[in-house]
N, C-alpha and C. Protein backbone atom coordinates (compact mmCIF):
# COMPACT_ATOMS: atom_id res chain seq x y z
N MET A 1 -12.04 -27.52 -10.12
CA MET A 1 -12.38 -27.33 -8.71
C MET A 1 -12.36 -25.83 -8.38
N ARG A 2 -13.48 -25.37 -7.85
CA ARG A 2 -13.60 -23.94 -7.55
C ARG A 2 -13.01 -23.63 -6.18
N ILE A 3 -12.19 -22.61 -6.12
CA ILE A 3 -11.55 -22.22 -4.86
C ILE A 3 -12.55 -21.47 -4.00
N GLY A 4 -12.59 -21.78 -2.72
CA GLY A 4 -13.47 -21.09 -1.81
C GLY A 4 -13.07 -19.65 -1.63
N LYS A 5 -14.01 -18.86 -1.09
CA LYS A 5 -13.74 -17.43 -0.93
C LYS A 5 -12.61 -17.18 0.06
N GLY A 6 -12.55 -17.97 1.12
CA GLY A 6 -11.47 -17.81 2.09
C GLY A 6 -10.11 -18.13 1.48
N ALA A 7 -10.06 -19.21 0.70
CA ALA A 7 -8.81 -19.59 0.05
C ALA A 7 -8.40 -18.55 -0.98
N LEU A 8 -9.38 -18.00 -1.70
CA LEU A 8 -9.09 -16.95 -2.68
C LEU A 8 -8.47 -15.74 -2.00
N ALA A 9 -9.04 -15.32 -0.89
CA ALA A 9 -8.50 -14.18 -0.16
C ALA A 9 -7.08 -14.46 0.32
N ALA A 10 -6.85 -15.67 0.83
CA ALA A 10 -5.52 -16.03 1.33
C ALA A 10 -4.48 -16.01 0.21
N ILE A 11 -4.85 -16.53 -0.96
CA ILE A 11 -3.93 -16.54 -2.10
C ILE A 11 -3.60 -15.12 -2.54
N ILE A 12 -4.60 -14.26 -2.64
CA ILE A 12 -4.37 -12.88 -3.06
C ILE A 12 -3.43 -12.17 -2.08
N ILE A 13 -3.70 -12.33 -0.80
CA ILE A 13 -2.87 -11.68 0.22
C ILE A 13 -1.44 -12.18 0.15
N LEU A 14 -1.27 -13.50 0.04
CA LEU A 14 0.07 -14.08 -0.02
C LEU A 14 0.84 -13.60 -1.24
N VAL A 15 0.21 -13.63 -2.41
CA VAL A 15 0.88 -13.23 -3.64
C VAL A 15 1.27 -11.76 -3.60
N VAL A 16 0.36 -10.91 -3.18
CA VAL A 16 0.65 -9.47 -3.15
C VAL A 16 1.77 -9.17 -2.17
N VAL A 17 1.73 -9.76 -0.97
CA VAL A 17 2.76 -9.48 0.03
C VAL A 17 4.12 -9.98 -0.43
N VAL A 18 4.18 -11.19 -0.99
CA VAL A 18 5.46 -11.73 -1.45
C VAL A 18 6.05 -10.87 -2.57
N LEU A 19 5.24 -10.51 -3.57
CA LEU A 19 5.73 -9.68 -4.67
C LEU A 19 6.14 -8.30 -4.17
N ASP A 20 5.35 -7.73 -3.28
CA ASP A 20 5.65 -6.41 -2.73
C ASP A 20 6.98 -6.42 -1.98
N GLN A 21 7.17 -7.42 -1.12
CA GLN A 21 8.41 -7.48 -0.34
C GLN A 21 9.61 -7.81 -1.22
N TRP A 22 9.42 -8.68 -2.19
CA TRP A 22 10.54 -9.00 -3.10
C TRP A 22 11.01 -7.75 -3.83
N LEU A 23 10.06 -6.96 -4.37
CA LEU A 23 10.43 -5.76 -5.11
C LEU A 23 11.08 -4.74 -4.19
N LYS A 24 10.55 -4.56 -2.99
CA LYS A 24 11.11 -3.59 -2.05
C LYS A 24 12.54 -3.97 -1.66
N ILE A 25 12.76 -5.23 -1.33
CA ILE A 25 14.10 -5.67 -0.91
C ILE A 25 15.09 -5.55 -2.06
N TRP A 26 14.64 -5.91 -3.27
CA TRP A 26 15.53 -5.78 -4.43
C TRP A 26 15.91 -4.33 -4.67
N VAL A 27 14.93 -3.44 -4.63
CA VAL A 27 15.21 -2.01 -4.85
C VAL A 27 16.11 -1.48 -3.74
N LYS A 28 15.80 -1.81 -2.51
CA LYS A 28 16.55 -1.26 -1.37
C LYS A 28 18.01 -1.71 -1.38
N THR A 29 18.27 -2.92 -1.84
CA THR A 29 19.64 -3.44 -1.83
C THR A 29 20.35 -3.29 -3.18
N SER A 30 19.67 -2.68 -4.16
CA SER A 30 20.27 -2.50 -5.48
C SER A 30 20.37 -1.04 -5.90
N PHE A 31 19.53 -0.17 -5.34
CA PHE A 31 19.49 1.24 -5.69
C PHE A 31 20.01 2.07 -4.51
N TYR A 32 20.70 3.14 -4.80
CA TYR A 32 20.98 4.09 -3.72
C TYR A 32 19.78 5.03 -3.57
N LEU A 33 19.63 5.61 -2.41
CA LEU A 33 18.48 6.46 -2.11
C LEU A 33 18.41 7.62 -3.10
N GLY A 34 17.27 7.75 -3.76
CA GLY A 34 17.07 8.79 -4.75
C GLY A 34 17.41 8.38 -6.17
N GLU A 35 17.98 7.20 -6.37
CA GLU A 35 18.34 6.76 -7.72
C GLU A 35 17.09 6.57 -8.56
N ASP A 36 17.18 6.97 -9.83
CA ASP A 36 16.03 6.93 -10.74
C ASP A 36 16.47 6.28 -12.05
N ILE A 37 15.74 5.25 -12.45
CA ILE A 37 15.99 4.58 -13.72
C ILE A 37 14.75 4.69 -14.59
N GLU A 38 14.90 5.26 -15.77
CA GLU A 38 13.78 5.42 -16.69
C GLU A 38 13.61 4.15 -17.52
N LEU A 39 12.51 3.45 -17.30
CA LEU A 39 12.19 2.27 -18.09
C LEU A 39 11.40 2.65 -19.33
N LEU A 40 10.48 3.59 -19.18
CA LEU A 40 9.71 4.17 -20.27
C LEU A 40 9.59 5.67 -19.98
N PRO A 41 9.26 6.48 -20.98
CA PRO A 41 9.14 7.92 -20.71
C PRO A 41 8.13 8.23 -19.59
N PHE A 42 7.14 7.37 -19.42
CA PHE A 42 6.11 7.62 -18.41
C PHE A 42 6.21 6.66 -17.22
N PHE A 43 7.29 5.87 -17.13
CA PHE A 43 7.43 4.92 -16.03
C PHE A 43 8.88 4.82 -15.60
N HIS A 44 9.15 5.18 -14.35
CA HIS A 44 10.48 5.12 -13.78
C HIS A 44 10.47 4.23 -12.54
N LEU A 45 11.63 3.68 -12.23
CA LEU A 45 11.88 3.13 -10.90
C LEU A 45 12.71 4.15 -10.14
N ARG A 46 12.16 4.68 -9.08
CA ARG A 46 12.84 5.72 -8.29
C ARG A 46 12.78 5.32 -6.81
N PHE A 47 13.93 5.10 -6.21
CA PHE A 47 13.99 4.65 -4.82
C PHE A 47 13.86 5.82 -3.86
N VAL A 48 12.74 5.83 -3.15
CA VAL A 48 12.55 6.80 -2.07
C VAL A 48 12.06 6.03 -0.85
N GLN A 49 12.18 6.65 0.31
CA GLN A 49 11.69 6.05 1.54
C GLN A 49 10.63 6.96 2.14
N ASN A 50 9.54 6.34 2.53
CA ASN A 50 8.38 7.09 2.98
C ASN A 50 8.20 6.88 4.48
N PRO A 51 8.37 7.93 5.29
CA PRO A 51 8.19 7.78 6.74
C PRO A 51 6.74 7.81 7.17
N GLY A 52 5.83 8.10 6.23
CA GLY A 52 4.43 8.26 6.60
C GLY A 52 3.53 7.24 5.96
N MET A 53 2.42 7.73 5.41
CA MET A 53 1.40 6.86 4.84
C MET A 53 1.62 6.73 3.33
N ALA A 54 0.59 6.20 2.65
CA ALA A 54 0.70 5.95 1.22
C ALA A 54 0.96 7.23 0.43
N PHE A 55 1.74 7.12 -0.65
CA PHE A 55 2.04 8.22 -1.56
C PHE A 55 2.76 9.38 -0.85
N GLY A 56 3.54 9.04 0.21
CA GLY A 56 4.36 10.05 0.87
C GLY A 56 3.63 10.91 1.88
N MET A 57 2.36 10.67 2.12
CA MET A 57 1.63 11.48 3.09
C MET A 57 2.07 11.12 4.51
N GLU A 58 1.88 12.04 5.44
CA GLU A 58 2.24 11.82 6.82
C GLU A 58 1.06 12.15 7.72
N LEU A 59 0.90 11.39 8.80
CA LEU A 59 -0.18 11.62 9.74
C LEU A 59 0.26 11.16 11.11
N GLY A 60 0.58 12.11 12.00
CA GLY A 60 0.96 11.75 13.36
C GLY A 60 2.35 11.15 13.43
N SER A 61 2.65 10.53 14.56
CA SER A 61 3.97 9.95 14.79
C SER A 61 4.13 8.63 14.05
N LYS A 62 5.39 8.22 13.88
CA LYS A 62 5.67 6.97 13.18
C LYS A 62 5.10 5.78 13.94
N LEU A 63 5.23 5.78 15.27
CA LEU A 63 4.69 4.67 16.07
C LEU A 63 3.18 4.60 15.93
N PHE A 64 2.53 5.75 15.96
CA PHE A 64 1.07 5.77 15.79
C PHE A 64 0.68 5.19 14.44
N LEU A 65 1.39 5.56 13.37
CA LEU A 65 1.07 5.06 12.03
C LEU A 65 1.23 3.55 11.95
N THR A 66 2.29 3.03 12.54
CA THR A 66 2.51 1.59 12.49
C THR A 66 1.43 0.84 13.26
N LEU A 67 1.12 1.31 14.47
CA LEU A 67 0.07 0.67 15.26
C LEU A 67 -1.28 0.78 14.57
N PHE A 68 -1.53 1.92 13.93
CA PHE A 68 -2.77 2.10 13.19
C PHE A 68 -2.88 1.09 12.05
N ARG A 69 -1.78 0.90 11.32
CA ARG A 69 -1.78 -0.09 10.23
C ARG A 69 -2.07 -1.48 10.76
N ILE A 70 -1.48 -1.84 11.89
CA ILE A 70 -1.67 -3.17 12.45
C ILE A 70 -3.12 -3.38 12.86
N VAL A 71 -3.73 -2.39 13.51
CA VAL A 71 -5.12 -2.49 13.92
C VAL A 71 -6.03 -2.63 12.71
N VAL A 72 -5.81 -1.79 11.69
CA VAL A 72 -6.64 -1.85 10.49
C VAL A 72 -6.50 -3.20 9.79
N THR A 73 -5.29 -3.73 9.73
CA THR A 73 -5.08 -5.03 9.08
C THR A 73 -5.76 -6.14 9.84
N CYS A 74 -5.68 -6.13 11.16
CA CYS A 74 -6.37 -7.15 11.97
C CYS A 74 -7.87 -7.08 11.76
N LEU A 75 -8.42 -5.87 11.72
CA LEU A 75 -9.85 -5.71 11.44
C LEU A 75 -10.19 -6.22 10.04
N GLY A 76 -9.27 -6.00 9.10
CA GLY A 76 -9.50 -6.48 7.75
C GLY A 76 -9.57 -8.00 7.68
N PHE A 77 -8.69 -8.69 8.38
CA PHE A 77 -8.75 -10.15 8.42
C PHE A 77 -10.06 -10.63 9.04
N TRP A 78 -10.46 -9.98 10.14
CA TRP A 78 -11.72 -10.34 10.79
C TRP A 78 -12.90 -10.12 9.84
N TYR A 79 -12.87 -9.01 9.11
CA TYR A 79 -13.96 -8.67 8.20
C TYR A 79 -14.05 -9.69 7.06
N ILE A 80 -12.89 -10.08 6.51
CA ILE A 80 -12.89 -11.08 5.44
C ILE A 80 -13.47 -12.40 5.94
N ALA A 81 -13.02 -12.83 7.12
CA ALA A 81 -13.53 -14.09 7.68
C ALA A 81 -15.04 -14.04 7.88
N LYS A 82 -15.53 -12.89 8.33
CA LYS A 82 -16.97 -12.72 8.55
C LYS A 82 -17.74 -12.77 7.24
N LYS A 83 -17.27 -12.03 6.24
CA LYS A 83 -17.99 -11.95 4.97
C LYS A 83 -17.90 -13.26 4.16
N CYS A 84 -16.86 -14.03 4.36
CA CYS A 84 -16.74 -15.30 3.63
C CYS A 84 -17.84 -16.28 4.04
N ARG A 85 -18.42 -16.08 5.21
CA ARG A 85 -19.48 -16.97 5.68
C ARG A 85 -20.87 -16.54 5.20
N VAL A 86 -20.93 -15.42 4.48
CA VAL A 86 -22.21 -14.93 3.97
C VAL A 86 -22.34 -15.33 2.50
N PRO A 87 -23.27 -16.22 2.18
CA PRO A 87 -23.37 -16.71 0.79
C PRO A 87 -23.63 -15.60 -0.23
N GLU A 88 -24.35 -14.54 0.17
CA GLU A 88 -24.71 -13.49 -0.77
C GLU A 88 -23.52 -12.60 -1.16
N VAL A 89 -22.45 -12.64 -0.40
CA VAL A 89 -21.29 -11.80 -0.69
C VAL A 89 -20.49 -12.42 -1.84
N PRO A 90 -20.30 -11.72 -2.94
CA PRO A 90 -19.62 -12.31 -4.10
C PRO A 90 -18.11 -12.43 -3.90
N ARG A 91 -17.51 -13.31 -4.66
CA ARG A 91 -16.07 -13.53 -4.59
C ARG A 91 -15.29 -12.27 -4.99
N GLY A 92 -15.86 -11.51 -5.94
CA GLY A 92 -15.17 -10.30 -6.37
C GLY A 92 -15.00 -9.31 -5.23
N TYR A 93 -16.01 -9.17 -4.39
CA TYR A 93 -15.92 -8.26 -3.26
C TYR A 93 -14.86 -8.74 -2.27
N ILE A 94 -14.84 -10.04 -2.00
CA ILE A 94 -13.83 -10.61 -1.11
C ILE A 94 -12.43 -10.36 -1.68
N ALA A 95 -12.29 -10.52 -2.99
CA ALA A 95 -10.98 -10.30 -3.62
C ALA A 95 -10.54 -8.85 -3.46
N CYS A 96 -11.46 -7.90 -3.59
CA CYS A 96 -11.11 -6.48 -3.45
C CYS A 96 -10.69 -6.16 -2.02
N VAL A 97 -11.43 -6.68 -1.05
CA VAL A 97 -11.07 -6.45 0.35
C VAL A 97 -9.71 -7.08 0.64
N ALA A 98 -9.45 -8.26 0.06
CA ALA A 98 -8.17 -8.93 0.25
C ALA A 98 -7.02 -8.08 -0.30
N LEU A 99 -7.24 -7.40 -1.41
CA LEU A 99 -6.21 -6.51 -1.96
C LEU A 99 -5.88 -5.39 -0.98
N VAL A 100 -6.90 -4.81 -0.37
CA VAL A 100 -6.68 -3.73 0.60
C VAL A 100 -5.91 -4.25 1.81
N VAL A 101 -6.31 -5.39 2.32
CA VAL A 101 -5.63 -5.98 3.49
C VAL A 101 -4.19 -6.34 3.14
N ALA A 102 -3.99 -6.91 1.95
CA ALA A 102 -2.64 -7.28 1.53
C ALA A 102 -1.73 -6.06 1.43
N GLY A 103 -2.26 -4.96 0.90
CA GLY A 103 -1.47 -3.75 0.81
C GLY A 103 -1.09 -3.21 2.17
N ALA A 104 -2.04 -3.19 3.09
CA ALA A 104 -1.74 -2.73 4.44
C ALA A 104 -0.70 -3.63 5.10
N LEU A 105 -0.83 -4.94 4.93
CA LEU A 105 0.11 -5.88 5.52
C LEU A 105 1.51 -5.71 4.93
N GLY A 106 1.58 -5.49 3.61
CA GLY A 106 2.88 -5.31 2.97
C GLY A 106 3.64 -4.14 3.54
N ASN A 107 2.96 -3.03 3.78
CA ASN A 107 3.63 -1.86 4.35
C ASN A 107 3.95 -2.02 5.82
N ILE A 108 3.20 -2.88 6.52
CA ILE A 108 3.49 -3.14 7.93
C ILE A 108 4.86 -3.79 8.09
N PHE A 109 5.22 -4.71 7.19
CA PHE A 109 6.53 -5.36 7.28
C PHE A 109 7.66 -4.33 7.23
N ASP A 110 7.52 -3.34 6.37
CA ASP A 110 8.54 -2.29 6.29
C ASP A 110 8.65 -1.56 7.62
N CYS A 111 7.50 -1.15 8.15
CA CYS A 111 7.49 -0.36 9.39
C CYS A 111 8.04 -1.16 10.56
N LEU A 112 7.68 -2.44 10.63
CA LEU A 112 8.09 -3.25 11.77
C LEU A 112 9.57 -3.61 11.73
N PHE A 113 10.05 -4.08 10.58
CA PHE A 113 11.34 -4.77 10.56
C PHE A 113 12.47 -4.07 9.80
N TYR A 114 12.15 -3.22 8.83
CA TYR A 114 13.22 -2.69 7.99
C TYR A 114 14.24 -1.88 8.79
N GLY A 115 13.77 -1.15 9.78
CA GLY A 115 14.70 -0.39 10.60
C GLY A 115 15.64 -1.25 11.41
N GLU A 116 15.25 -2.49 11.65
CA GLU A 116 16.06 -3.41 12.45
C GLU A 116 17.07 -4.20 11.62
N VAL A 117 16.77 -4.44 10.35
CA VAL A 117 17.59 -5.38 9.57
C VAL A 117 18.30 -4.75 8.38
N PHE A 118 18.12 -3.45 8.12
CA PHE A 118 18.78 -2.79 7.00
C PHE A 118 19.60 -1.61 7.49
N THR A 119 20.70 -1.34 6.79
CA THR A 119 21.39 -0.08 6.96
C THR A 119 20.69 0.98 6.11
N ASN A 120 21.04 2.23 6.32
CA ASN A 120 20.44 3.31 5.56
C ASN A 120 21.53 4.31 5.17
N PRO A 121 22.44 3.88 4.30
CA PRO A 121 23.60 4.73 3.99
C PRO A 121 23.24 5.90 3.09
N ALA A 122 24.12 6.88 3.08
CA ALA A 122 23.97 8.03 2.18
C ALA A 122 24.35 7.61 0.76
N PRO A 123 23.72 8.19 -0.25
CA PRO A 123 24.10 7.90 -1.64
C PRO A 123 25.58 8.23 -1.86
N PRO A 124 26.27 7.47 -2.71
CA PRO A 124 25.77 6.45 -3.63
C PRO A 124 25.83 5.03 -3.08
N GLN A 125 25.98 4.87 -1.78
CA GLN A 125 26.01 3.53 -1.20
C GLN A 125 24.59 2.96 -1.18
N VAL A 126 24.49 1.62 -1.23
CA VAL A 126 23.19 0.97 -1.15
C VAL A 126 23.07 0.25 0.18
N ALA A 127 21.84 0.02 0.59
CA ALA A 127 21.57 -0.60 1.89
C ALA A 127 22.03 -2.06 1.90
N GLN A 128 22.35 -2.53 3.08
CA GLN A 128 22.77 -3.91 3.28
C GLN A 128 21.96 -4.53 4.41
N PHE A 129 21.79 -5.87 4.34
CA PHE A 129 21.23 -6.60 5.46
C PHE A 129 22.24 -6.61 6.61
N VAL A 130 21.73 -6.48 7.84
CA VAL A 130 22.56 -6.58 9.03
C VAL A 130 21.84 -7.47 10.04
N PRO A 131 22.56 -7.98 11.04
CA PRO A 131 21.89 -8.77 12.09
C PRO A 131 20.77 -7.96 12.74
N PHE A 132 19.73 -8.66 13.16
CA PHE A 132 18.56 -8.00 13.74
C PHE A 132 18.98 -7.11 14.91
N GLY A 133 18.51 -5.88 14.88
CA GLY A 133 18.82 -4.93 15.95
C GLY A 133 19.97 -4.00 15.63
N GLU A 134 20.66 -4.22 14.49
CA GLU A 134 21.80 -3.38 14.14
C GLU A 134 21.49 -2.45 12.96
N GLY A 135 20.21 -2.30 12.65
CA GLY A 135 19.82 -1.47 11.51
C GLY A 135 19.74 -0.01 11.86
N TYR A 136 19.11 0.74 10.98
CA TYR A 136 19.09 2.20 11.09
C TYR A 136 18.04 2.71 12.06
N GLY A 137 17.11 1.86 12.50
CA GLY A 137 16.02 2.34 13.35
C GLY A 137 15.54 1.27 14.30
N ALA A 138 14.56 1.64 15.10
CA ALA A 138 14.02 0.73 16.10
C ALA A 138 12.81 -0.02 15.55
N LEU A 139 12.39 -1.05 16.27
CA LEU A 139 11.19 -1.78 15.92
C LEU A 139 10.01 -0.81 15.85
N PHE A 140 9.13 -1.00 14.87
CA PHE A 140 7.97 -0.16 14.62
C PHE A 140 8.32 1.18 13.96
N HIS A 141 9.59 1.45 13.71
CA HIS A 141 9.98 2.75 13.19
C HIS A 141 10.69 2.66 11.83
N GLY A 142 10.53 1.56 11.12
CA GLY A 142 11.13 1.44 9.80
C GLY A 142 10.42 2.32 8.78
N MET A 143 11.12 2.66 7.72
CA MET A 143 10.55 3.48 6.66
C MET A 143 10.08 2.61 5.50
N VAL A 144 8.96 2.99 4.92
CA VAL A 144 8.37 2.24 3.81
C VAL A 144 9.13 2.55 2.52
N VAL A 145 9.44 1.51 1.77
CA VAL A 145 10.17 1.65 0.51
C VAL A 145 9.19 1.88 -0.64
N ASP A 146 9.40 2.94 -1.40
CA ASP A 146 8.60 3.25 -2.59
C ASP A 146 9.51 3.29 -3.80
N MET A 147 8.94 2.94 -4.96
CA MET A 147 9.79 2.90 -6.16
C MET A 147 9.03 3.12 -7.48
N LEU A 148 7.74 3.05 -7.51
CA LEU A 148 6.98 3.16 -8.75
C LEU A 148 6.64 4.63 -9.01
N TYR A 149 7.13 5.14 -10.12
CA TYR A 149 6.97 6.56 -10.43
C TYR A 149 6.46 6.70 -11.86
N PHE A 150 5.32 7.36 -12.02
CA PHE A 150 4.69 7.51 -13.32
C PHE A 150 4.51 9.00 -13.66
N PRO A 151 5.54 9.66 -14.22
CA PRO A 151 5.39 11.05 -14.67
C PRO A 151 4.65 11.06 -16.02
N LEU A 152 3.35 11.00 -15.97
CA LEU A 152 2.55 10.80 -17.17
C LEU A 152 2.66 11.96 -18.15
N PHE A 153 2.65 13.18 -17.63
CA PHE A 153 2.84 14.33 -18.51
C PHE A 153 3.24 15.53 -17.68
N SER A 154 3.81 16.52 -18.34
CA SER A 154 4.23 17.74 -17.65
C SER A 154 4.19 18.89 -18.64
N PHE A 155 4.10 20.09 -18.08
CA PHE A 155 4.06 21.29 -18.92
C PHE A 155 4.34 22.51 -18.06
N VAL A 156 4.57 23.63 -18.74
CA VAL A 156 4.73 24.91 -18.07
C VAL A 156 3.43 25.69 -18.21
N TRP A 157 2.91 26.15 -17.09
CA TRP A 157 1.68 26.93 -17.12
C TRP A 157 1.89 28.21 -17.94
N PRO A 158 0.93 28.57 -18.81
CA PRO A 158 1.05 29.83 -19.58
C PRO A 158 1.16 31.03 -18.64
N ASP A 159 1.84 32.04 -19.10
CA ASP A 159 2.07 33.23 -18.27
C ASP A 159 0.78 33.92 -17.86
N TRP A 160 -0.29 33.75 -18.63
CA TRP A 160 -1.53 34.46 -18.32
C TRP A 160 -2.34 33.78 -17.21
N VAL A 161 -1.93 32.58 -16.78
CA VAL A 161 -2.67 31.89 -15.72
C VAL A 161 -2.33 32.55 -14.37
N PRO A 162 -3.33 33.05 -13.64
CA PRO A 162 -3.05 33.72 -12.35
C PRO A 162 -2.32 32.80 -11.38
N TRP A 163 -1.33 33.33 -10.69
CA TRP A 163 -0.55 32.67 -9.64
C TRP A 163 0.31 31.51 -10.14
N LEU A 164 -0.08 30.84 -11.22
CA LEU A 164 0.65 29.67 -11.69
C LEU A 164 1.48 29.93 -12.94
N GLY A 165 1.25 31.06 -13.60
CA GLY A 165 1.92 31.34 -14.86
C GLY A 165 3.43 31.23 -14.78
N GLY A 166 4.00 30.46 -15.71
CA GLY A 166 5.44 30.27 -15.78
C GLY A 166 5.98 29.15 -14.92
N SER A 167 5.15 28.58 -14.04
CA SER A 167 5.61 27.50 -13.17
C SER A 167 5.46 26.15 -13.85
N TRP A 168 6.24 25.19 -13.38
CA TRP A 168 6.26 23.84 -13.96
C TRP A 168 5.23 22.96 -13.29
N PHE A 169 4.48 22.18 -14.07
CA PHE A 169 3.50 21.24 -13.53
C PHE A 169 3.81 19.85 -14.04
N SER A 170 3.81 18.88 -13.13
CA SER A 170 4.06 17.48 -13.50
C SER A 170 2.98 16.60 -12.90
N PHE A 171 2.47 15.66 -13.69
CA PHE A 171 1.45 14.71 -13.25
C PHE A 171 1.87 13.31 -13.72
N PHE A 172 2.08 12.37 -12.94
CA PHE A 172 1.68 12.17 -11.56
C PHE A 172 2.96 12.06 -10.74
N ASP A 173 3.19 12.91 -9.73
CA ASP A 173 4.47 12.98 -9.04
C ASP A 173 4.67 11.98 -7.89
N PRO A 174 3.65 11.59 -7.14
CA PRO A 174 3.90 10.69 -6.00
C PRO A 174 4.57 9.38 -6.43
N VAL A 175 5.49 8.91 -5.61
CA VAL A 175 6.15 7.62 -5.80
C VAL A 175 5.50 6.64 -4.82
N PHE A 176 5.18 5.43 -5.29
CA PHE A 176 4.46 4.49 -4.45
C PHE A 176 5.00 3.09 -4.66
N ASN A 177 4.38 2.10 -4.03
CA ASN A 177 4.83 0.72 -4.15
C ASN A 177 3.67 -0.19 -4.50
N LEU A 178 3.94 -1.49 -4.63
CA LEU A 178 2.88 -2.44 -4.99
C LEU A 178 1.80 -2.51 -3.92
N ALA A 179 2.19 -2.39 -2.65
CA ALA A 179 1.21 -2.42 -1.57
C ALA A 179 0.24 -1.25 -1.69
N ASP A 180 0.77 -0.05 -1.96
CA ASP A 180 -0.09 1.11 -2.17
C ASP A 180 -1.03 0.89 -3.35
N ALA A 181 -0.49 0.31 -4.43
CA ALA A 181 -1.30 0.06 -5.62
C ALA A 181 -2.42 -0.92 -5.31
N ALA A 182 -2.12 -1.97 -4.53
CA ALA A 182 -3.14 -2.95 -4.17
C ALA A 182 -4.26 -2.30 -3.37
N ILE A 183 -3.90 -1.44 -2.42
CA ILE A 183 -4.91 -0.73 -1.63
C ILE A 183 -5.78 0.14 -2.53
N SER A 184 -5.15 0.89 -3.42
CA SER A 184 -5.89 1.80 -4.30
C SER A 184 -6.82 1.04 -5.24
N VAL A 185 -6.30 -0.02 -5.87
CA VAL A 185 -7.12 -0.81 -6.80
C VAL A 185 -8.29 -1.45 -6.06
N GLY A 186 -8.02 -2.02 -4.89
CA GLY A 186 -9.09 -2.64 -4.11
C GLY A 186 -10.17 -1.65 -3.72
N MET A 187 -9.77 -0.48 -3.22
CA MET A 187 -10.75 0.52 -2.79
C MET A 187 -11.55 1.07 -3.96
N ILE A 188 -10.87 1.37 -5.08
CA ILE A 188 -11.59 1.90 -6.24
C ILE A 188 -12.59 0.89 -6.79
N ALA A 189 -12.18 -0.38 -6.87
CA ALA A 189 -13.08 -1.43 -7.36
C ALA A 189 -14.29 -1.60 -6.43
N ILE A 190 -14.06 -1.51 -5.12
CA ILE A 190 -15.18 -1.62 -4.18
C ILE A 190 -16.16 -0.48 -4.39
N LEU A 191 -15.65 0.74 -4.50
CA LEU A 191 -16.53 1.90 -4.67
C LEU A 191 -17.29 1.85 -6.00
N LEU A 192 -16.64 1.33 -7.05
CA LEU A 192 -17.27 1.28 -8.37
C LEU A 192 -18.27 0.14 -8.52
N PHE A 193 -17.94 -1.02 -7.96
CA PHE A 193 -18.73 -2.22 -8.26
C PHE A 193 -19.40 -2.87 -7.05
N TYR A 194 -18.91 -2.60 -5.86
CA TYR A 194 -19.41 -3.34 -4.69
C TYR A 194 -19.79 -2.43 -3.53
N SER A 195 -20.09 -1.18 -3.79
CA SER A 195 -20.37 -0.25 -2.69
C SER A 195 -21.58 -0.67 -1.88
N ARG A 196 -22.52 -1.39 -2.50
CA ARG A 196 -23.72 -1.79 -1.76
C ARG A 196 -23.39 -2.75 -0.62
N PHE A 197 -22.28 -3.47 -0.73
CA PHE A 197 -21.93 -4.41 0.34
C PHE A 197 -21.31 -3.69 1.54
N LEU A 198 -20.87 -2.46 1.37
CA LEU A 198 -20.32 -1.71 2.49
C LEU A 198 -21.39 -1.31 3.48
N VAL A 199 -22.63 -1.14 3.00
CA VAL A 199 -23.72 -0.73 3.87
C VAL A 199 -24.66 -1.88 4.18
N ALA A 200 -24.36 -3.06 3.65
CA ALA A 200 -25.26 -4.20 3.86
C ALA A 200 -25.40 -4.54 5.33
N ALA A 201 -24.27 -4.45 6.08
CA ALA A 201 -24.32 -4.81 7.49
C ALA A 201 -25.22 -3.85 8.26
N ASP A 202 -25.13 -2.53 7.93
CA ASP A 202 -25.96 -1.56 8.62
C ASP A 202 -27.45 -1.78 8.30
N GLU A 203 -27.73 -2.12 7.05
CA GLU A 203 -29.11 -2.35 6.67
C GLU A 203 -29.66 -3.57 7.38
N ASP A 204 -28.85 -4.64 7.48
CA ASP A 204 -29.30 -5.84 8.15
C ASP A 204 -29.52 -5.59 9.63
N ALA A 205 -28.68 -4.70 10.22
CA ALA A 205 -28.82 -4.42 11.65
C ALA A 205 -30.14 -3.71 11.94
N GLY A 206 -30.67 -2.95 10.98
CA GLY A 206 -31.90 -2.22 11.20
C GLY A 206 -33.15 -3.05 10.98
N LYS A 207 -33.02 -4.27 10.47
CA LYS A 207 -34.17 -5.11 10.21
C LYS A 207 -34.58 -5.84 11.49
N PRO A 208 -35.88 -6.04 11.68
CA PRO A 208 -36.31 -6.80 12.87
C PRO A 208 -35.90 -8.25 12.76
N ALA A 209 -35.65 -8.85 13.91
CA ALA A 209 -35.24 -10.25 13.94
C ALA A 209 -36.39 -11.12 13.47
N PRO A 210 -36.10 -12.18 12.69
CA PRO A 210 -37.18 -13.05 12.21
C PRO A 210 -37.88 -13.76 13.35
N LYS A 211 -39.20 -13.93 13.22
CA LYS A 211 -39.97 -14.62 14.25
C LYS A 211 -39.70 -16.11 14.19
N LYS A 212 -39.63 -16.72 15.35
CA LYS A 212 -39.42 -18.17 15.42
C LYS A 212 -40.75 -18.90 15.40
């Protein structure tokens, strides 16, 4: 039995959000802030908290970022529902959009609720669940939990390199989470394989209406 496009999107969103939240809660209640565990030379679990957008970036106030995420996610659900009714839209494209929406939704939970239900102690203490409203922050002002760190390679710039000589370079430094990864994978796959569907609506809007 083949799963419909709407059901496929719902399953992807549910699985990504559940795994993302499970990993975040486990890290937050098991690691102290800044703790780093090397699983492989190029893969660490490092607990950091991100007050801004994906990969530690910041844009505007925390309330603005949270509201922006909510608006984008609502538009994403509407867009998926709309595209699922178009037979020409492939399941792969729906799956990619669902990954982006799932990632946005996963980070929304952090922003909305983590400040209300978690403590935020100084290292080496770890966070604890508390009754709603007794956490470290207000509603809409929680910090996003990041933990995936991939220091793929590093080196010291040769002394002859202008401005950079003798300085240390490390790639890839940003710490992120499963929600960020879902957004990135979904967007990259759309751009590589399904970019034509991003402009399909505009092209259809420019066509004359069929004669009756």
